[in-house]
Amino acid sequence: MIKVEGLTKKYAGITAIDAISFSVEKGEIVGFLGPNGAGKSTTMRILSCFLPATSGKASVAGFDVATQSREVRSRVGYMPENVALYPEMRVQEYLEYRAALKGIRGRTNRQRVNAVKELCSLRDVESKLIGALSKGYRQRVGLADALLHDPDLLILDEPTIGLDPNQIRQVRQLIKDLGKRHTILLSTHILPEVEMTCSRVLIIDRGRIAASDTPEALAGRVRTAGGVRAEIRADSSALDKELSSLAGVRKSEVQTLEDGWCACTLRTDAEHDPREAVAKLAAERKWPLRELGREQVSLERVFAEITQSGER
């Protein structure tokens, strides 16, 4: 669905994206992640034909974004981070107006407007002024606008920004449902959202693609891919020294709790599981042990590891 080859964009000598290459297959929901200023929005604007590239190639559904922009635009629904809406218009008339601008007229216009209102749960506010809507409903109107022409590809830039937890859950479920019919490229800073909705992750850092894989596979690539948490009653300095010496332990963190208990976090190699060694050590030293478990690697930690280390 998306094919990018050596794409570069420069602004007055500043390189926003630097010869990036990646692809997105039809039917995928791909999370597009990166620190602020990494090049996410620039890439999405180029793919949406809102911005020309300096060099390189990009295509959507087989059409070149530079030379066949009309065909690309008809197949892409783009929802920017800050959705530009007309606050003085009512939801119904705004969607009808936007559909007409996209060449959807007559009976088809009404059918598509009704379809996206149903899909985005806008029936209850169809007669309200957009300016009177909550942030969550305005985001839904922006998403409905992007869906009017039934695009093959949805490009969503921070679709849940500014929403409360309930609204975030609703939009997240909507995105998952849309993924059954559309290919989706999703940019967000809410990393648990990516874990729950995306089948693959692209990480861009300093204008270059730093990683591309499933969240699970990325977890196996980071240096601190394993971790164990334990709570043990012992002298903290002696405990830290003993735990640090265990095989496969890269780093030991010991925090003193109440009544002499210590919370211990061990960073380990991906192939090592020191839980048995920790239990054996506690038994030998006669240290009471009340918690011992494997710590799962979150996408947040993967993201931090890759972008802070500059991994390529």
C-alpha atoms as a PDB file:
ATOM      1  CA  MET A   1       0.000   0.000   0.000  1.00  0.00           C
ATOM      2  CA  ILE A   2       2.871   2.390   0.887  1.00  0.00           C
ATOM      3  CA  LYS A   3       6.339   2.192  -0.589  1.00  0.00           C
ATOM      4  CA  VAL A   4       9.013   4.727   0.364  1.00  0.00           C
ATOM      5  CA  GLU A   5      12.519   4.684  -1.157  1.00  0.00           C
ATOM      6  CA  GLY A   6      15.287   7.072  -0.151  1.00  0.00           C
ATOM      7  CA  LEU A   7      12.846   9.844   0.799  1.00  0.00           C
ATOM      8  CA  THR A   8      14.524  13.093   1.890  1.00  0.00           C
ATOM      9  CA  LYS A   9      13.146  16.467   2.922  1.00  0.00           C
ATOM     10  CA  LYS A  10      15.313  19.517   3.676  1.00  0.00           C
ATOM     11  CA  TYR A  11      14.282  22.920   4.987  1.00  0.00           C
ATOM     12  CA  ALA A  12      16.859  25.685   4.433  1.00  0.00           C
ATOM     13  CA  GLY A  13      19.750  23.309   5.024  1.00  0.00           C
ATOM     14  CA  ILE A  14      18.045  21.394   7.852  1.00  0.00           C
ATOM     15  CA  THR A  15      17.337  17.754   7.031  1.00  0.00           C
ATOM     16  CA  ALA A  16      13.945  16.726   8.408  1.00  0.00           C
ATOM     17  CA  ILE A  17      14.038  13.201   6.942  1.00  0.00           C
ATOM     18  CA  ASP A  18      17.183  11.636   5.570  1.00  0.00           C
ATOM     19  CA  ALA A  19      16.873   9.004   2.810  1.00  0.00           C
ATOM     20  CA  ILE A  20      14.304   6.877   4.640  1.00  0.00           C
ATOM     21  CA  SER A  21      12.890   3.692   3.139  1.00  0.00           C
ATOM     22  CA  PHE A  22      10.013   1.524   4.368  1.00  0.00           C
ATOM     23  CA  SER A  23       6.841  -0.183   3.186  1.00  0.00           C
ATOM     24  CA  VAL A  24       3.362  -0.828   4.579  1.00  0.00           C
ATOM     25  CA  GLU A  25       1.317  -3.739   3.243  1.00  0.00           C
ATOM     26  CA  LYS A  26      -2.398  -3.644   2.545  1.00  0.00           C
ATOM     27  CA  GLY A  27      -4.483  -4.336   5.659  1.00  0.00           C
ATOM     28  CA  GLU A  28      -1.763  -3.484   8.191  1.00  0.00           C
ATOM     29  CA  ILE A  29      -2.173  -1.132  11.152  1.00  0.00           C
ATOM     30  CA  VAL A  30       1.301   0.351  11.579  1.00  0.00           C
ATOM     31  CA  GLY A  31       2.375   2.576  14.457  1.00  0.00           C
ATOM     32  CA  PHE A  32       4.690   5.390  13.335  1.00  0.00           C
ATOM     33  CA  LEU A  33       6.700   6.522  16.361  1.00  0.00           C
ATOM     34  CA  GLY A  34       9.461   8.973  17.063  1.00  0.00           C
ATOM     35  CA  PRO A  35      10.530  11.819  19.372  1.00  0.00           C
ATOM     36  CA  ASN A  36       9.331  15.348  18.657  1.00  0.00           C
ATOM     37  CA  GLY A  37      11.101  16.660  15.562  1.00  0.00           C
ATOM     38  CA  ALA A  38      12.104  13.192  14.363  1.00  0.00           C
ATOM     39  CA  GLY A  39      10.331  13.561  10.997  1.00  0.00           C
ATOM     40  CA  LYS A  40       6.980  11.807  11.545  1.00  0.00           C
ATOM     41  CA  SER A  41       4.682  14.634  10.500  1.00  0.00           C
ATOM     42  CA  THR A  42       6.908  15.564   7.563  1.00  0.00           C
ATOM     43  CA  THR A  43       6.751  12.006   6.255  1.00  0.00           C
ATOM     44  CA  MET A  44       2.974  11.812   6.639  1.00  0.00           C
ATOM     45  CA  ARG A  45       2.468  15.148   4.890  1.00  0.00           C
ATOM     46  CA  ILE A  46       4.547  13.965   1.946  1.00  0.00           C
ATOM     47  CA  LEU A  47       2.546  10.731   1.722  1.00  0.00           C
ATOM     48  CA  SER A  48      -0.667  12.782   1.825  1.00  0.00           C
ATOM     49  CA  CYS A  49       0.559  15.099  -0.969  1.00  0.00           C
ATOM     50  CA  PHE A  50       0.496  18.121   1.351  1.00  0.00           C
ATOM     51  CA  LEU A  51       4.256  18.575   1.054  1.00  0.00           C
ATOM     52  CA  PRO A  52       6.786  17.848  -1.729  1.00  0.00           C
ATOM     53  CA  ALA A  53       9.910  15.803  -1.011  1.00  0.00           C
ATOM     54  CA  THR A  54      13.398  17.117  -1.763  1.00  0.00           C
ATOM     55  CA  SER A  55      14.453  13.779  -3.236  1.00  0.00           C
ATOM     56  CA  GLY A  56      13.561  10.083  -3.217  1.00  0.00           C
ATOM     57  CA  LYS A  57      10.332   8.316  -4.103  1.00  0.00           C
ATOM     58  CA  ALA A  58       7.073   7.503  -2.363  1.00  0.00           C
ATOM     59  CA  SER A  59       3.984   5.768  -3.687  1.00  0.00           C
ATOM     60  CA  VAL A  60       0.545   4.897  -2.352  1.00  0.00           C
ATOM     61  CA  ALA A  61      -1.430   2.026  -3.912  1.00  0.00           C
ATOM     62  CA  GLY A  62       1.074   2.072  -6.773  1.00  0.00           C
ATOM     63  CA  PHE A  63       0.688   5.804  -7.536  1.00  0.00           C
ATOM     64  CA  ASP A  64       3.587   8.231  -7.191  1.00  0.00           C
ATOM     65  CA  VAL A  65       2.891  11.030  -4.690  1.00  0.00           C
ATOM     66  CA  ALA A  66       4.843  13.570  -6.742  1.00  0.00           C
ATOM     67  CA  THR A  67       3.551  12.895 -10.267  1.00  0.00           C
ATOM     68  CA  GLN A  68       0.167  11.273  -9.601  1.00  0.00           C
ATOM     69  CA  SER A  69      -1.080  13.273  -6.628  1.00  0.00           C
ATOM     70  CA  ARG A  70      -4.732  13.280  -7.735  1.00  0.00           C
ATOM     71  CA  GLU A  71      -4.847   9.471  -7.710  1.00  0.00           C
ATOM     72  CA  VAL A  72      -3.030   9.371  -4.357  1.00  0.00           C
ATOM     73  CA  ARG A  73      -5.371  11.911  -2.736  1.00  0.00           C
ATOM     74  CA  SER A  74      -8.403   9.899  -3.807  1.00  0.00           C
ATOM     75  CA  ARG A  75      -7.015   6.877  -1.957  1.00  0.00           C
ATOM     76  CA  VAL A  76      -5.745   8.563   1.217  1.00  0.00           C
ATOM     77  CA  GLY A  77      -7.697   9.840   4.214  1.00  0.00           C
ATOM     78  CA  TYR A  78      -5.467  12.162   6.235  1.00  0.00           C
ATOM     79  CA  MET A  79      -6.285  13.369   9.737  1.00  0.00           C
ATOM     80  CA  PRO A  80      -3.659  15.904  10.919  1.00  0.00           C
ATOM     81  CA  GLU A  81      -2.735  16.452  14.555  1.00  0.00           C
ATOM     82  CA  ASN A  82      -4.694  19.721  14.690  1.00  0.00           C
ATOM     83  CA  VAL A  83      -7.889  19.184  12.724  1.00  0.00           C
ATOM     84  CA  ALA A  84      -9.007  22.382  10.978  1.00  0.00           C
ATOM     85  CA  LEU A  85     -12.799  22.599  11.308  1.00  0.00           C
ATOM     86  CA  TYR A  86     -15.371  25.348  10.773  1.00  0.00           C
ATOM     87  CA  PRO A  87     -16.778  26.051  14.260  1.00  0.00           C
ATOM     88  CA  GLU A  88     -19.744  27.998  12.887  1.00  0.00           C
ATOM     89  CA  MET A  89     -20.993  25.039  10.817  1.00  0.00           C
ATOM     90  CA  ARG A  90     -23.154  22.198  12.067  1.00  0.00           C
ATOM     91  CA  VAL A  91     -21.777  18.655  11.897  1.00  0.00           C
ATOM     92  CA  GLN A  92     -24.215  17.546   9.180  1.00  0.00           C
ATOM     93  CA  GLU A  93     -23.629  20.519   6.880  1.00  0.00           C
ATOM     94  CA  TYR A  94     -19.868  20.410   7.404  1.00  0.00           C
ATOM     95  CA  LEU A  95     -19.657  16.764   6.364  1.00  0.00           C
ATOM     96  CA  GLU A  96     -21.929  17.374   3.354  1.00  0.00           C
ATOM     97  CA  TYR A  97     -19.744  20.346   2.371  1.00  0.00           C
ATOM     98  CA  ARG A  98     -16.511  18.345   2.739  1.00  0.00           C
ATOM     99  CA  ALA A  99     -17.974  15.441   0.752  1.00  0.00           C
ATOM    100  CA  ALA A 100     -18.918  17.844  -2.071  1.00  0.00           C
ATOM    101  CA  LEU A 101     -15.362  19.232  -2.116  1.00  0.00           C
ATOM    102  CA  LYS A 102     -14.143  15.665  -2.607  1.00  0.00           C
ATOM    103  CA  GLY A 103     -16.429  15.256  -5.621  1.00  0.00           C
ATOM    104  CA  ILE A 104     -19.108  13.238  -3.818  1.00  0.00           C
ATOM    105  CA  ARG A 105     -22.497  14.594  -4.868  1.00  0.00           C
ATOM    106  CA  GLY A 106     -26.209  13.834  -4.939  1.00  0.00           C
ATOM    107  CA  ARG A 107     -27.451  10.636  -3.359  1.00  0.00           C
ATOM    108  CA  THR A 108     -23.916   9.316  -2.885  1.00  0.00           C
ATOM    109  CA  ASN A 109     -23.100  12.400  -0.797  1.00  0.00           C
ATOM    110  CA  ARG A 110     -25.948  11.700   1.620  1.00  0.00           C
ATOM    111  CA  GLN A 111     -25.097   7.995   1.753  1.00  0.00           C
ATOM    112  CA  ARG A 112     -21.438   8.599   2.594  1.00  0.00           C
ATOM    113  CA  VAL A 113     -22.250  11.286   5.185  1.00  0.00           C
ATOM    114  CA  ASN A 114     -24.730   8.947   6.881  1.00  0.00           C
ATOM    115  CA  ALA A 115     -22.217   6.095   6.781  1.00  0.00           C
ATOM    116  CA  VAL A 116     -19.384   8.048   8.443  1.00  0.00           C
ATOM    117  CA  LYS A 117     -21.735   9.560  11.045  1.00  0.00           C
ATOM    118  CA  GLU A 118     -22.753   6.038  12.021  1.00  0.00           C
ATOM    119  CA  LEU A 119     -19.174   4.778  11.987  1.00  0.00           C
ATOM    120  CA  CYS A 120     -17.868   7.633  14.129  1.00  0.00           C
ATOM    121  CA  SER A 121     -20.936   7.794  16.439  1.00  0.00           C
ATOM    122  CA  LEU A 122     -21.922  11.327  15.446  1.00  0.00           C
ATOM    123  CA  ARG A 123     -25.691  10.831  15.143  1.00  0.00           C
ATOM    124  CA  ASP A 124     -26.371  12.454  18.505  1.00  0.00           C
ATOM    125  CA  VAL A 125     -24.529  15.670  17.558  1.00  0.00           C
ATOM    126  CA  GLU A 126     -25.286  15.953  13.840  1.00  0.00           C
ATOM    127  CA  SER A 127     -27.314  19.151  14.357  1.00  0.00           C
ATOM    128  CA  LYS A 128     -24.893  20.812  16.780  1.00  0.00           C
ATOM    129  CA  LEU A 129     -22.420  23.564  15.937  1.00  0.00           C
ATOM    130  CA  ILE A 130     -18.891  22.194  15.698  1.00  0.00           C
ATOM    131  CA  GLY A 131     -17.674  25.015  17.951  1.00  0.00           C
ATOM    132  CA  ALA A 132     -19.934  23.724  20.733  1.00  0.00           C
ATOM    133  CA  LEU A 133     -18.592  20.172  20.609  1.00  0.00           C
ATOM    134  CA  SER A 134     -16.166  18.616  23.065  1.00  0.00           C
ATOM    135  CA  LYS A 135     -12.603  17.859  21.974  1.00  0.00           C
ATOM    136  CA  GLY A 136     -13.510  14.190  21.621  1.00  0.00           C
ATOM    137  CA  TYR A 137     -16.392  14.872  19.270  1.00  0.00           C
ATOM    138  CA  ARG A 138     -14.314  17.310  17.206  1.00  0.00           C
ATOM    139  CA  GLN A 139     -11.733  14.565  16.752  1.00  0.00           C
ATOM    140  CA  ARG A 140     -14.525  12.272  15.594  1.00  0.00           C
ATOM    141  CA  VAL A 141     -15.688  14.864  13.066  1.00  0.00           C
ATOM    142  CA  GLY A 142     -12.122  15.101  11.733  1.00  0.00           C
ATOM    143  CA  LEU A 143     -11.939  11.341  11.422  1.00  0.00           C
ATOM    144  CA  ALA A 144     -15.343  11.216   9.714  1.00  0.00           C
ATOM    145  CA  ASP A 145     -14.082  13.806   7.217  1.00  0.00           C
ATOM    146  CA  ALA A 146     -11.044  11.630   6.445  1.00  0.00           C
ATOM    147  CA  LEU A 147     -13.350   8.651   5.828  1.00  0.00           C
ATOM    148  CA  LEU A 148     -15.887  10.346   3.538  1.00  0.00           C
ATOM    149  CA  HIS A 149     -14.369   9.125   0.272  1.00  0.00           C
ATOM    150  CA  ASP A 150     -13.812   5.603   1.669  1.00  0.00           C
ATOM    151  CA  PRO A 151     -10.008   5.712   1.267  1.00  0.00           C
ATOM    152  CA  ASP A 152      -7.772   2.653   0.995  1.00  0.00           C
ATOM    153  CA  LEU A 153      -5.246   4.237   3.383  1.00  0.00           C
ATOM    154  CA  LEU A 154      -5.861   6.198   6.589  1.00  0.00           C
ATOM    155  CA  ILE A 155      -3.031   8.386   7.897  1.00  0.00           C
ATOM    156  CA  LEU A 156      -3.782   9.498  11.460  1.00  0.00           C
ATOM    157  CA  ASP A 157      -1.507  11.992  13.220  1.00  0.00           C
ATOM    158  CA  GLU A 158      -2.090  11.955  17.001  1.00  0.00           C
ATOM    159  CA  PRO A 159      -5.806  11.060  16.740  1.00  0.00           C
ATOM    160  CA  THR A 160      -6.290  10.915  20.527  1.00  0.00           C
ATOM    161  CA  ILE A 161      -4.376  14.041  21.538  1.00  0.00           C
ATOM    162  CA  GLY A 162      -6.210  16.034  24.203  1.00  0.00           C
ATOM    163  CA  LEU A 163      -8.812  13.347  24.873  1.00  0.00           C
ATOM    164  CA  ASP A 164      -9.791  11.997  28.284  1.00  0.00           C
ATOM    165  CA  PRO A 165      -9.245   8.279  29.098  1.00  0.00           C
ATOM    166  CA  ASN A 166     -12.796   7.272  28.131  1.00  0.00           C
ATOM    167  CA  GLN A 167     -12.570   9.110  24.810  1.00  0.00           C
ATOM    168  CA  ILE A 168      -9.166   7.544  24.139  1.00  0.00           C
ATOM    169  CA  ARG A 169     -10.613   4.053  24.634  1.00  0.00           C
ATOM    170  CA  GLN A 170     -13.490   4.843  22.287  1.00  0.00           C
ATOM    171  CA  VAL A 171     -11.232   6.202  19.533  1.00  0.00           C
ATOM    172  CA  ARG A 172      -8.819   3.285  20.005  1.00  0.00           C
ATOM    173  CA  GLN A 173     -11.645   0.802  19.458  1.00  0.00           C
ATOM    174  CA  LEU A 174     -12.802   2.768  16.427  1.00  0.00           C
ATOM    175  CA  ILE A 175      -9.302   2.575  14.924  1.00  0.00           C
ATOM    176  CA  LYS A 176      -9.204  -1.194  15.508  1.00  0.00           C
ATOM    177  CA  ASP A 177     -12.573  -1.538  13.780  1.00  0.00           C
ATOM    178  CA  LEU A 178     -11.422   0.627  10.866  1.00  0.00           C
ATOM    179  CA  GLY A 179      -8.369  -1.598  10.506  1.00  0.00           C
ATOM    180  CA  LYS A 180     -10.651  -4.395   9.300  1.00  0.00           C
ATOM    181  CA  ARG A 181     -11.395  -2.384   6.126  1.00  0.00           C
ATOM    182  CA  HIS A 182      -8.524   0.082   5.744  1.00  0.00           C
ATOM    183  CA  THR A 183      -4.739   0.172   5.904  1.00  0.00           C
ATOM    184  CA  ILE A 184      -3.751   2.536   8.728  1.00  0.00           C
ATOM    185  CA  LEU A 185      -0.580   4.497   9.467  1.00  0.00           C
ATOM    186  CA  LEU A 186      -0.920   5.800  13.024  1.00  0.00           C
ATOM    187  CA  SER A 187       1.306   8.334  14.751  1.00  0.00           C
ATOM    188  CA  THR A 188       0.886   8.791  18.495  1.00  0.00           C
ATOM    189  CA  HIS A 189       2.828   9.474  21.700  1.00  0.00           C
ATOM    190  CA  ILE A 190       0.589   7.102  23.680  1.00  0.00           C
ATOM    191  CA  LEU A 191       2.658   3.943  23.364  1.00  0.00           C
ATOM    192  CA  PRO A 192       0.233   1.529  25.092  1.00  0.00           C
ATOM    193  CA  GLU A 193      -2.231   2.551  22.392  1.00  0.00           C
ATOM    194  CA  VAL A 194       0.205   1.281  19.744  1.00  0.00           C
ATOM    195  CA  GLU A 195       0.710  -2.002  21.608  1.00  0.00           C
ATOM    196  CA  MET A 196      -3.035  -2.591  21.687  1.00  0.00           C
ATOM    197  CA  THR A 197      -3.871  -1.590  18.116  1.00  0.00           C
ATOM    198  CA  CYS A 198      -0.862  -2.009  15.829  1.00  0.00           C
ATOM    199  CA  SER A 199       0.533  -5.139  14.221  1.00  0.00           C
ATOM    200  CA  ARG A 200       3.856  -3.464  13.406  1.00  0.00           C
ATOM    201  CA  VAL A 201       5.890  -0.482  14.569  1.00  0.00           C
ATOM    202  CA  LEU A 202       8.103   1.938  12.641  1.00  0.00           C
ATOM    203  CA  ILE A 203      10.420   4.073  14.785  1.00  0.00           C
ATOM    204  CA  ILE A 204      11.964   7.174  13.241  1.00  0.00           C
ATOM    205  CA  ASP A 205      14.743   9.011  15.049  1.00  0.00           C
ATOM    206  CA  ARG A 206      16.652  12.085  13.868  1.00  0.00           C
ATOM    207  CA  GLY A 207      15.205  11.765  10.391  1.00  0.00           C
ATOM    208  CA  ARG A 208      16.066   8.100   9.854  1.00  0.00           C
ATOM    209  CA  ILE A 209      14.234   4.819  10.338  1.00  0.00           C
ATOM    210  CA  ALA A 210      15.680   3.307  13.516  1.00  0.00           C
ATOM    211  CA  ALA A 211      13.528   0.157  13.714  1.00  0.00           C
ATOM    212  CA  SER A 212      10.715  -1.681  11.964  1.00  0.00           C
ATOM    213  CA  ASP A 213       9.155  -4.815  13.434  1.00  0.00           C
ATOM    214  CA  THR A 214       6.366  -6.149  15.611  1.00  0.00           C
ATOM    215  CA  PRO A 215       6.312  -4.812  19.201  1.00  0.00           C
ATOM    216  CA  GLU A 216       7.222  -8.291  20.461  1.00  0.00           C
ATOM    217  CA  ALA A 217      10.210  -8.637  18.135  1.00  0.00           C
ATOM    218  CA  LEU A 218      11.494  -5.165  19.021  1.00  0.00           C
ATOM    219  CA  ALA A 219      11.449  -6.105  22.694  1.00  0.00           C
ATOM    220  CA  GLY A 220      13.949  -8.874  21.970  1.00  0.00           C
ATOM    221  CA  ARG A 221      16.341  -6.436  20.303  1.00  0.00           C
ATOM    222  CA  VAL A 222      16.892  -3.944  23.092  1.00  0.00           C
ATOM    223  CA  ARG A 223      19.844  -4.287  25.386  1.00  0.00           C
ATOM    224  CA  THR A 224      17.781  -4.444  28.569  1.00  0.00           C
ATOM    225  CA  ALA A 225      15.257  -6.856  27.133  1.00  0.00           C
ATOM    226  CA  GLY A 226      14.829  -8.847  30.349  1.00  0.00           C
ATOM    227  CA  GLY A 227      13.925  -7.884  33.859  1.00  0.00           C
ATOM    228  CA  VAL A 228      13.024  -9.415  37.214  1.00  0.00           C
ATOM    229  CA  ARG A 229      11.377  -7.789  40.211  1.00  0.00           C
ATOM    230  CA  ALA A 230      11.687  -9.077  43.779  1.00  0.00           C
ATOM    231  CA  GLU A 231      10.949  -7.944  47.325  1.00  0.00           C
ATOM    232  CA  ILE A 232      13.425  -9.232  49.901  1.00  0.00           C
ATOM    233  CA  ARG A 233      14.085  -8.333  53.547  1.00  0.00           C
ATOM    234  CA  ALA A 234      17.830  -7.755  53.856  1.00  0.00           C
ATOM    235  CA  ASP A 235      20.530  -5.123  54.167  1.00  0.00           C
ATOM    236  CA  SER A 236      20.242  -3.093  50.957  1.00  0.00           C
ATOM    237  CA  SER A 237      23.965  -2.747  50.217  1.00  0.00           C
ATOM    238  CA  ALA A 238      24.665  -6.459  50.767  1.00  0.00           C
ATOM    239  CA  LEU A 239      21.605  -7.357  48.726  1.00  0.00           C
ATOM    240  CA  ASP A 240      22.627  -5.123  45.849  1.00  0.00           C
ATOM    241  CA  LYS A 241      26.144  -6.593  45.808  1.00  0.00           C
ATOM    242  CA  GLU A 242      24.887 -10.198  45.789  1.00  0.00           C
ATOM    243  CA  LEU A 243      22.235  -9.626  43.120  1.00  0.00           C
ATOM    244  CA  SER A 244      24.669  -7.765  40.838  1.00  0.00           C
ATOM    245  CA  SER A 245      26.984 -10.775  40.843  1.00  0.00           C
ATOM    246  CA  LEU A 246      24.344 -13.196  39.484  1.00  0.00           C
ATOM    247  CA  ALA A 247      24.877 -14.557  35.973  1.00  0.00           C
ATOM    248  CA  GLY A 248      23.233 -12.508  33.244  1.00  0.00           C
ATOM    249  CA  VAL A 249      22.426  -9.526  35.471  1.00  0.00           C
ATOM    250  CA  ARG A 250      23.506  -6.274  33.823  1.00  0.00           C
ATOM    251  CA  LYS A 251      22.244  -3.932  36.501  1.00  0.00           C
ATOM    252  CA  SER A 252      20.685  -4.197  39.940  1.00  0.00           C
ATOM    253  CA  GLU A 253      18.485  -1.486  41.473  1.00  0.00           C
ATOM    254  CA  VAL A 254      17.576  -1.795  45.162  1.00  0.00           C
ATOM    255  CA  GLN A 255      15.117   0.531  46.899  1.00  0.00           C
ATOM    256  CA  THR A 256      14.497   0.388  50.667  1.00  0.00           C
ATOM    257  CA  LEU A 257      10.866  -0.028  51.715  1.00  0.00           C
ATOM    258  CA  GLU A 258       9.249  -0.284  55.135  1.00  0.00           C
ATOM    259  CA  ASP A 259      10.253  -2.738  57.903  1.00  0.00           C
ATOM    260  CA  GLY A 260      13.550  -3.634  56.278  1.00  0.00           C
ATOM    261  CA  TRP A 261      12.068  -4.825  52.994  1.00  0.00           C
ATOM    262  CA  CYS A 262      13.787  -3.938  49.740  1.00  0.00           C
ATOM    263  CA  ALA A 263      12.309  -3.666  46.240  1.00  0.00           C
ATOM    264  CA  CYS A 264      14.793  -5.084  43.748  1.00  0.00           C
ATOM    265  CA  THR A 265      14.758  -4.644  39.978  1.00  0.00           C
ATOM    266  CA  LEU A 266      17.219  -6.636  37.888  1.00  0.00           C
ATOM    267  CA  ARG A 267      18.034  -5.739  34.260  1.00  0.00           C
ATOM    268  CA  THR A 268      19.170  -8.853  32.459  1.00  0.00           C
ATOM    269  CA  ASP A 269      20.215 -10.220  29.093  1.00  0.00           C
ATOM    270  CA  ALA A 270      17.249 -11.342  26.990  1.00  0.00           C
ATOM    271  CA  GLU A 271      18.317 -14.992  27.212  1.00  0.00           C
ATOM    272  CA  HIS A 272      18.727 -15.061  31.000  1.00  0.00           C
ATOM    273  CA  ASP A 273      16.065 -15.641  33.642  1.00  0.00           C
ATOM    274  CA  PRO A 274      17.669 -15.301  37.107  1.00  0.00           C
ATOM    275  CA  ARG A 275      14.529 -15.981  39.165  1.00  0.00           C
ATOM    276  CA  GLU A 276      15.701 -19.418  40.283  1.00  0.00           C
ATOM    277  CA  ALA A 277      19.102 -17.983  41.256  1.00  0.00           C
ATOM    278  CA  VAL A 278      17.434 -15.161  43.231  1.00  0.00           C
ATOM    279  CA  ALA A 279      15.239 -17.639  45.124  1.00  0.00           C
ATOM    280  CA  LYS A 280      18.249 -19.852  45.861  1.00  0.00           C
ATOM    281  CA  LEU A 281      20.296 -16.854  47.059  1.00  0.00           C
ATOM    282  CA  ALA A 282      17.520 -15.721  49.418  1.00  0.00           C
ATOM    283  CA  ALA A 283      17.181 -19.230  50.848  1.00  0.00           C
ATOM    284  CA  GLU A 284      20.931 -19.583  51.405  1.00  0.00           C
ATOM    285  CA  ARG A 285      21.199 -16.169  53.117  1.00  0.00           C
ATOM    286  CA  LYS A 286      17.947 -16.756  55.031  1.00  0.00           C
ATOM    287  CA  TRP A 287      16.486 -13.580  53.584  1.00  0.00           C
ATOM    288  CA  PRO A 288      12.662 -13.513  53.616  1.00  0.00           C
ATOM    289  CA  LEU A 289      11.291 -13.334  50.053  1.00  0.00           C
ATOM    290  CA  ARG A 290       7.703 -12.165  49.464  1.00  0.00           C
ATOM    291  CA  GLU A 291       7.673 -11.341  45.749  1.00  0.00           C
ATOM    292  CA  LEU A 292       9.516 -12.655  42.702  1.00  0.00           C
ATOM    293  CA  GLY A 293       8.388 -12.250  39.120  1.00  0.00           C
ATOM    294  CA  ARG A 294       9.393 -11.676  35.532  1.00  0.00           C
ATOM    295  CA  GLU A 295       9.034  -8.119  34.273  1.00  0.00           C
ATOM    296  CA  GLN A 296       7.621  -7.711  30.782  1.00  0.00           C
ATOM    297  CA  VAL A 297       9.275  -5.330  28.328  1.00  0.00           C
ATOM    298  CA  SER A 298       6.959  -2.454  27.397  1.00  0.00           C
ATOM    299  CA  LEU A 299       6.995  -0.623  24.082  1.00  0.00           C
ATOM    300  CA  GLU A 300       7.802   2.500  26.080  1.00  0.00           C
ATOM    301  CA  ARG A 301      11.083   0.972  27.219  1.00  0.00           C
ATOM    302  CA  VAL A 302      11.851  -0.283  23.720  1.00  0.00           C
ATOM    303  CA  PHE A 303      11.208   3.194  22.319  1.00  0.00           C
ATOM    304  CA  ALA A 304      13.436   4.854  24.917  1.00  0.00           C
ATOM    305  CA  GLU A 305      16.207   2.317  24.404  1.00  0.00           C
ATOM    306  CA  ILE A 306      16.286   2.727  20.627  1.00  0.00           C
ATOM    307  CA  THR A 307      15.956   6.516  20.451  1.00  0.00           C
ATOM    308  CA  GLN A 308      18.303   7.287  23.355  1.00  0.00           C
ATOM    309  CA  SER A 309      20.994   4.924  22.133  1.00  0.00           C
ATOM    310  CA  GLY A 310      20.802   6.097  18.513  1.00  0.00           C
ATOM    311  CA  GLU A 311      20.475   2.477  17.332  1.00  0.00           C
ATOM    312  CA  ARG A 312      20.212   2.080  13.548  1.00  0.00           C
END
